[in-house]
Amino acid sequence: MTLNPITDLQLWQQMLLYAAPLIIAAMGELLIERSGILNVAIEGMMLVAAVVCFVAAFQTESPLLGMAAAMAAAGLMALVLAYYGITLRGSQITVGLGLYVLGIGLSSLIYRVVFGVRLTPPRVATLGPLPVPGLADIPVLGPIVFQQNVLVYVALLLVPAVHLFLYATPLGLRIRATGENPRAVDALGIDVAALRYGATVVGGLLIGLGGAYLPLTLTGTFSDNMTAGRGWLSLMLVIFGRWQPGLALLGAFLFAYVESFQFKVAMATKLVPPQFLLMLPYVFAVVVLIRIYSGARAPRALALPYDREVRE
């Protein structure tokens, strides 16, 4: 079996398939962090969203209801983060880690309560490719980009949508200002807490959609820790992208390409231990993050609770 990392169209198509959940979750995390809230619970939120999506889709036979349930579950966890970090002004890292650990246990519990222990795991129908008429027939680009499932298209459209929202709308400007200087925003009579609550919950909904992507597209079922670090990678992509949607998209493509390539190599040869190949994408992510983080500047008010009564 030969493998050309440049001309293999299936490799590039698979790259987009693996990049989509990272992009969706990263856009949600970016919105949250731009408002000044640090969410380190993203891995647990995606796990809970994945199991809730799977249960809802299995019971209703509707992937759309599965997505809605997943988004609601992650949105509720984001609301807990917002209440603790904004209203109670507690440590966002502490509550985030707590929600992360909760998500790991809760996702397994929900699955076992609903399905019990089975020799054959239940499955749902995965989303198939939805070719875009006309565009799907374009040579090279058509099969790669325009013969994907609907959530891949959502992920790709989400990046320019988030960019335009943050940089071309008054509300986006206010959210960015809240992440940089909440006292100045408050001085203008704008409710800082409301902005942060809104950004956190909307970001949580997107993270939930990223979690729903896994059972609906990649696996068709749920398994413990099925996110496999994708939540942490999405958090990393926000840093890699220096809190810019376009650069975060590039980071998602880089990681997903390495992940797709290692699968191809694993199929093509048995000389390299599979554990080593599975490690490669994460090693790549760590190396790239170390190189990038030195020049990155986070929003100045990130993870800092705001109290209008406290003088700075």
Protein backbone atom coordinates (compact mmCIF):
# COMPACT_ATOMS: atom_id res chain seq x y z
CA MET A 1 0.00 0.00 0.00
CA THR A 2 1.54 3.29 -1.11
CA LEU A 3 0.94 6.58 0.63
CA ASN A 4 1.60 10.03 -0.77
CA PRO A 5 0.85 12.69 1.86
CA ILE A 6 0.35 15.34 -0.84
CA THR A 7 -1.76 13.69 -3.54
CA ASP A 8 -3.84 11.30 -1.41
CA LEU A 9 -7.32 12.89 -1.65
CA GLN A 10 -8.75 10.52 0.94
CA LEU A 11 -6.15 11.72 3.43
CA TRP A 12 -7.20 15.34 2.97
CA GLN A 13 -10.87 14.43 3.14
CA GLN A 14 -10.28 12.56 6.37
CA MET A 15 -8.37 15.55 7.71
CA LEU A 16 -11.51 17.71 7.46
CA LEU A 17 -13.54 14.95 9.10
CA TYR A 18 -11.22 14.89 12.12
CA ALA A 19 -10.78 18.67 12.23
CA ALA A 20 -14.50 19.52 12.45
CA PRO A 21 -15.12 18.73 16.16
CA LEU A 22 -11.92 20.57 17.11
CA ILE A 23 -13.00 23.63 15.12
CA ILE A 24 -16.51 23.72 16.58
CA ALA A 25 -15.32 23.28 20.17
CA ALA A 26 -12.45 25.75 19.70
CA MET A 27 -14.83 28.45 18.41
CA GLY A 28 -16.97 27.96 21.50
CA GLU A 29 -13.94 28.14 23.79
CA LEU A 30 -12.68 31.23 21.95
CA LEU A 31 -15.95 33.08 22.55
CA ILE A 32 -15.82 32.19 26.24
CA GLU A 33 -12.20 33.27 26.70
CA ARG A 34 -12.67 36.47 24.71
CA SER A 35 -15.17 37.55 27.36
CA GLY A 36 -12.59 36.96 30.11
CA ILE A 37 -13.74 33.54 31.37
CA LEU A 38 -11.28 30.64 31.36
CA ASN A 39 -12.96 27.30 30.70
CA VAL A 40 -10.78 24.29 31.49
CA ALA A 41 -13.84 22.03 31.74
CA ILE A 42 -14.10 21.67 27.98
CA GLU A 43 -13.05 18.00 27.90
CA GLY A 44 -15.70 17.04 30.46
CA MET A 45 -18.32 19.15 28.70
CA MET A 46 -17.66 17.39 25.40
CA LEU A 47 -17.89 13.97 27.08
CA VAL A 48 -21.24 14.75 28.68
CA ALA A 49 -22.49 16.22 25.40
CA ALA A 50 -21.38 13.09 23.52
CA VAL A 51 -23.24 10.68 25.82
CA VAL A 52 -26.36 12.84 26.02
CA CYS A 53 -26.39 13.16 22.24
CA PHE A 54 -26.01 9.41 21.83
CA VAL A 55 -28.78 8.60 24.31
CA ALA A 56 -31.18 11.15 22.81
CA ALA A 57 -30.42 10.12 19.23
CA PHE A 58 -30.80 6.42 20.10
CA GLN A 59 -34.11 6.91 21.92
CA THR A 60 -35.67 9.29 19.39
CA GLU A 61 -33.90 8.08 16.23
CA SER A 62 -33.30 11.73 15.45
CA PRO A 63 -29.75 13.08 15.15
CA LEU A 64 -31.14 16.62 15.27
CA LEU A 65 -32.68 16.03 18.70
CA GLY A 66 -29.43 14.39 19.75
CA MET A 67 -27.50 17.54 18.81
CA ALA A 68 -30.01 19.75 20.62
CA ALA A 69 -29.77 17.64 23.78
CA ALA A 70 -25.97 17.69 23.66
CA MET A 71 -25.88 21.46 23.28
CA ALA A 72 -28.31 21.89 26.17
CA ALA A 73 -26.23 19.63 28.43
CA ALA A 74 -22.97 21.47 27.70
CA GLY A 75 -24.77 24.81 27.97
CA LEU A 76 -25.96 23.87 31.45
CA MET A 77 -22.41 23.00 32.52
CA ALA A 78 -21.23 26.33 31.09
CA LEU A 79 -23.93 28.06 33.12
CA VAL A 80 -22.52 26.46 36.29
CA LEU A 81 -19.06 27.72 35.34
CA ALA A 82 -20.46 31.20 34.72
CA TYR A 83 -22.36 31.31 38.02
CA TYR A 84 -19.33 30.25 40.05
CA GLY A 85 -16.83 32.41 38.15
CA ILE A 86 -18.97 35.53 37.56
CA THR A 87 -21.61 35.76 40.27
CA LEU A 88 -19.64 34.14 43.10
CA ARG A 89 -16.30 35.43 41.75
CA GLY A 90 -14.64 32.12 42.54
CA SER A 91 -11.59 30.57 40.92
CA GLN A 92 -12.47 29.67 37.34
CA ILE A 93 -9.69 27.10 37.20
CA THR A 94 -11.01 25.35 40.32
CA VAL A 95 -14.60 25.06 39.13
CA GLY A 96 -13.41 24.19 35.63
CA LEU A 97 -11.33 21.28 36.84
CA GLY A 98 -14.23 20.19 39.04
CA LEU A 99 -16.59 20.18 36.07
CA TYR A 100 -14.01 18.30 34.01
CA VAL A 101 -13.77 15.50 36.58
CA LEU A 102 -17.56 15.53 36.96
CA GLY A 103 -17.97 15.18 33.21
CA ILE A 104 -15.75 12.09 33.07
CA GLY A 105 -17.72 10.27 35.75
CA LEU A 106 -21.14 11.57 34.75
CA SER A 107 -20.78 10.52 31.12
CA SER A 108 -20.00 6.93 32.11
CA LEU A 109 -22.81 6.92 34.67
CA ILE A 110 -25.42 8.17 32.20
CA TYR A 111 -24.46 5.53 29.67
CA ARG A 112 -24.63 2.67 32.17
CA VAL A 113 -27.87 3.84 33.74
CA VAL A 114 -29.55 3.97 30.33
CA PHE A 115 -28.02 0.94 28.62
CA GLY A 116 -26.53 -1.16 31.39
CA VAL A 117 -23.77 -3.62 30.50
CA ARG A 118 -24.05 -5.09 27.00
CA LEU A 119 -21.88 -7.45 25.01
CA THR A 120 -22.79 -5.57 21.84
CA PRO A 121 -22.84 -1.79 22.25
CA PRO A 122 -25.93 0.02 20.90
CA ARG A 123 -25.41 2.12 17.81
CA VAL A 124 -27.01 5.01 15.98
CA ALA A 125 -26.86 5.83 12.29
CA THR A 126 -24.00 8.21 11.54
CA LEU A 127 -24.34 11.28 9.35
CA GLY A 128 -23.43 10.47 5.78
CA PRO A 129 -21.81 12.73 3.19
CA LEU A 130 -23.99 15.51 1.83
CA PRO A 131 -22.50 16.54 -1.52
CA VAL A 132 -23.00 20.18 -2.47
CA PRO A 133 -24.59 20.28 -5.94
CA GLY A 134 -22.21 21.64 -8.55
CA LEU A 135 -19.33 22.22 -6.15
CA ALA A 136 -18.89 18.52 -5.36
CA ASP A 137 -17.85 17.88 -8.98
CA ILE A 138 -14.92 20.33 -8.91
CA PRO A 139 -11.69 18.38 -9.53
CA VAL A 140 -9.58 17.74 -6.42
CA LEU A 141 -11.27 20.37 -4.23
CA GLY A 142 -14.77 19.00 -4.72
CA PRO A 143 -14.25 15.52 -3.20
CA ILE A 144 -12.21 16.96 -0.32
CA VAL A 145 -14.38 19.89 0.78
CA PHE A 146 -17.83 19.50 -0.74
CA GLN A 147 -18.54 15.81 -0.14
CA GLN A 148 -18.64 15.97 3.65
CA ASN A 149 -21.32 15.59 6.30
CA VAL A 150 -23.36 18.62 7.30
CA LEU A 151 -21.44 19.25 10.54
CA VAL A 152 -18.18 19.69 8.62
CA TYR A 153 -19.84 22.48 6.64
CA VAL A 154 -21.12 23.97 9.90
CA ALA A 155 -17.58 23.93 11.32
CA LEU A 156 -16.08 25.62 8.26
CA LEU A 157 -18.78 28.31 8.16
CA LEU A 158 -18.51 28.88 11.90
CA VAL A 159 -15.00 30.30 11.65
CA PRO A 160 -15.84 33.33 9.43
CA ALA A 161 -19.11 33.76 11.37
CA VAL A 162 -17.27 34.02 14.70
CA HIS A 163 -14.65 36.32 13.18
CA LEU A 164 -17.30 38.67 11.77
CA PHE A 165 -19.23 38.59 15.02
CA LEU A 166 -16.20 39.52 17.13
CA TYR A 167 -14.73 42.13 14.80
CA ALA A 168 -17.66 43.56 12.84
CA THR A 169 -20.53 43.84 15.32
CA PRO A 170 -21.05 46.11 18.35
CA LEU A 171 -21.82 43.10 20.57
CA GLY A 172 -18.61 41.37 19.49
CA LEU A 173 -16.63 44.52 20.28
CA ARG A 174 -18.20 44.66 23.73
CA ILE A 175 -17.33 41.02 24.42
CA ARG A 176 -13.70 41.59 23.40
CA ALA A 177 -13.55 44.72 25.52
CA THR A 178 -14.94 42.78 28.48
CA GLY A 179 -12.08 40.32 28.16
CA GLU A 180 -9.54 43.11 28.02
CA ASN A 181 -10.82 45.81 30.38
CA PRO A 182 -14.13 45.05 32.11
CA ARG A 183 -13.92 48.21 34.25
CA ALA A 184 -13.94 50.40 31.13
CA VAL A 185 -16.95 48.48 29.80
CA ASP A 186 -18.72 48.93 33.14
CA ALA A 187 -17.94 52.64 33.11
CA LEU A 188 -19.91 52.92 29.87
CA GLY A 189 -22.97 51.50 31.59
CA ILE A 190 -22.72 48.06 29.95
CA ASP A 191 -23.48 45.02 32.09
CA VAL A 192 -20.21 43.05 32.27
CA ALA A 193 -21.82 40.06 33.97
CA ALA A 194 -24.52 39.77 31.31
CA LEU A 195 -21.95 39.82 28.52
CA ARG A 196 -19.85 37.16 30.20
CA TYR A 197 -22.86 34.99 30.97
CA GLY A 198 -24.05 35.21 27.38
CA ALA A 199 -20.66 34.45 25.86
CA THR A 200 -20.08 31.54 28.24
CA VAL A 201 -23.44 29.89 27.58
CA VAL A 202 -23.23 30.36 23.79
CA GLY A 203 -19.68 29.00 23.85
CA GLY A 204 -20.93 26.05 25.89
CA LEU A 205 -23.60 25.33 23.26
CA LEU A 206 -20.92 25.18 20.57
CA ILE A 207 -18.74 22.93 22.72
CA GLY A 208 -21.77 20.66 23.10
CA LEU A 209 -22.16 20.50 19.34
CA GLY A 210 -18.49 19.53 19.09
CA GLY A 211 -19.13 16.71 21.55
CA ALA A 212 -22.22 15.57 19.63
CA TYR A 213 -20.09 15.29 16.49
CA LEU A 214 -18.19 12.30 17.84
CA PRO A 215 -20.99 9.70 18.15
CA LEU A 216 -22.98 11.09 15.24
CA THR A 217 -20.12 11.14 12.75
CA LEU A 218 -17.01 9.25 13.84
CA THR A 219 -18.18 6.25 15.87
CA GLY A 220 -21.95 5.74 15.86
CA THR A 221 -21.76 4.78 19.54
CA PHE A 222 -20.43 5.98 22.88
CA SER A 223 -17.45 4.73 24.85
CA ASP A 224 -15.74 5.98 28.01
CA ASN A 225 -13.35 8.89 27.40
CA MET A 226 -14.19 8.83 23.69
CA THR A 227 -13.12 12.46 23.33
CA ALA A 228 -9.51 11.22 23.71
CA GLY A 229 -8.19 14.65 24.64
CA ARG A 230 -10.02 16.56 21.92
CA GLY A 231 -11.36 19.00 24.48
CA TRP A 232 -7.87 19.85 25.69
CA LEU A 233 -6.72 20.12 22.09
CA SER A 234 -9.52 22.59 21.36
CA LEU A 235 -8.35 24.64 24.33
CA MET A 236 -4.82 24.45 22.93
CA LEU A 237 -6.04 25.59 19.52
CA VAL A 238 -7.35 28.83 21.04
CA ILE A 239 -3.87 29.52 22.38
CA PHE A 240 -2.24 28.34 19.15
CA GLY A 241 -4.50 30.73 17.24
CA ARG A 242 -3.68 33.58 19.64
CA TRP A 243 -7.41 33.97 20.27
CA GLN A 244 -8.04 34.53 16.52
CA PRO A 245 -10.61 32.28 14.75
CA GLY A 246 -8.64 31.97 11.50
CA LEU A 247 -5.40 30.89 13.15
CA ALA A 248 -7.28 28.42 15.35
CA LEU A 249 -8.71 26.90 12.15
CA LEU A 250 -5.19 26.49 10.79
CA GLY A 251 -4.12 24.75 13.99
CA ALA A 252 -7.07 22.35 13.76
CA PHE A 253 -6.08 21.48 10.20
CA LEU A 254 -2.48 20.81 11.22
CA PHE A 255 -3.42 18.49 14.07
CA ALA A 256 -6.12 16.69 12.08
CA TYR A 257 -3.71 16.16 9.19
CA VAL A 258 -1.15 14.53 11.49
CA GLU A 259 -3.90 12.39 13.04
CA SER A 260 -5.15 11.29 9.61
CA PHE A 261 -1.63 10.60 8.43
CA GLN A 262 -0.82 8.36 11.40
CA PHE A 263 -3.93 6.29 10.68
CA LYS A 264 -2.82 5.89 7.08
CA VAL A 265 0.68 4.89 8.16
CA ALA A 266 -0.76 2.38 10.63
CA MET A 267 -2.74 0.77 7.80
CA ALA A 268 0.21 0.80 5.42
CA THR A 269 2.86 -0.74 7.64
CA LYS A 270 3.17 -3.01 10.66
CA LEU A 271 6.80 -2.13 11.34
CA VAL A 272 5.99 0.83 13.60
CA PRO A 273 4.25 0.08 16.94
CA PRO A 274 0.65 1.37 16.85
CA GLN A 275 1.06 3.02 20.26
CA PHE A 276 3.84 5.18 18.86
CA LEU A 277 1.69 6.24 15.91
CA LEU A 278 -1.24 7.11 18.19
CA MET A 279 1.11 9.29 20.21
CA LEU A 280 2.33 11.33 17.23
CA PRO A 281 -0.55 13.85 16.91
CA TYR A 282 -0.32 14.76 20.59
CA VAL A 283 3.45 15.09 20.53
CA PHE A 284 3.05 17.35 17.51
CA ALA A 285 0.45 19.43 19.37
CA VAL A 286 2.74 19.90 22.39
CA VAL A 287 5.74 20.87 20.25
CA VAL A 288 3.74 23.39 18.23
CA LEU A 289 2.16 24.88 21.35
CA ILE A 290 5.56 25.40 22.98
CA ARG A 291 6.76 27.22 19.87
CA ILE A 292 3.66 29.37 19.55
CA TYR A 293 2.85 30.23 23.16
CA SER A 294 5.96 32.35 23.66
CA GLY A 295 4.51 35.07 21.44
CA ALA A 296 0.86 34.73 22.40
CA ARG A 297 -0.97 37.34 24.47
CA ALA A 298 -4.16 36.29 26.19
CA PRO A 299 -7.00 38.74 26.93
CA ARG A 300 -5.77 40.79 29.86
CA ALA A 301 -8.75 40.05 32.09
CA LEU A 302 -8.82 36.32 31.34
CA ALA A 303 -9.63 34.26 34.47
CA LEU A 304 -9.82 37.41 36.62
CA PRO A 305 -13.15 37.83 38.46
CA TYR A 306 -14.56 41.35 38.10
CA ASP A 307 -15.90 43.24 41.11
CA ARG A 308 -16.98 46.80 40.43
CA GLU A 309 -16.57 47.67 44.14
CA VAL A 310 -12.88 46.80 44.21
CA ARG A 311 -10.41 49.53 43.28
CA GLU A 312 -7.50 48.45 41.08
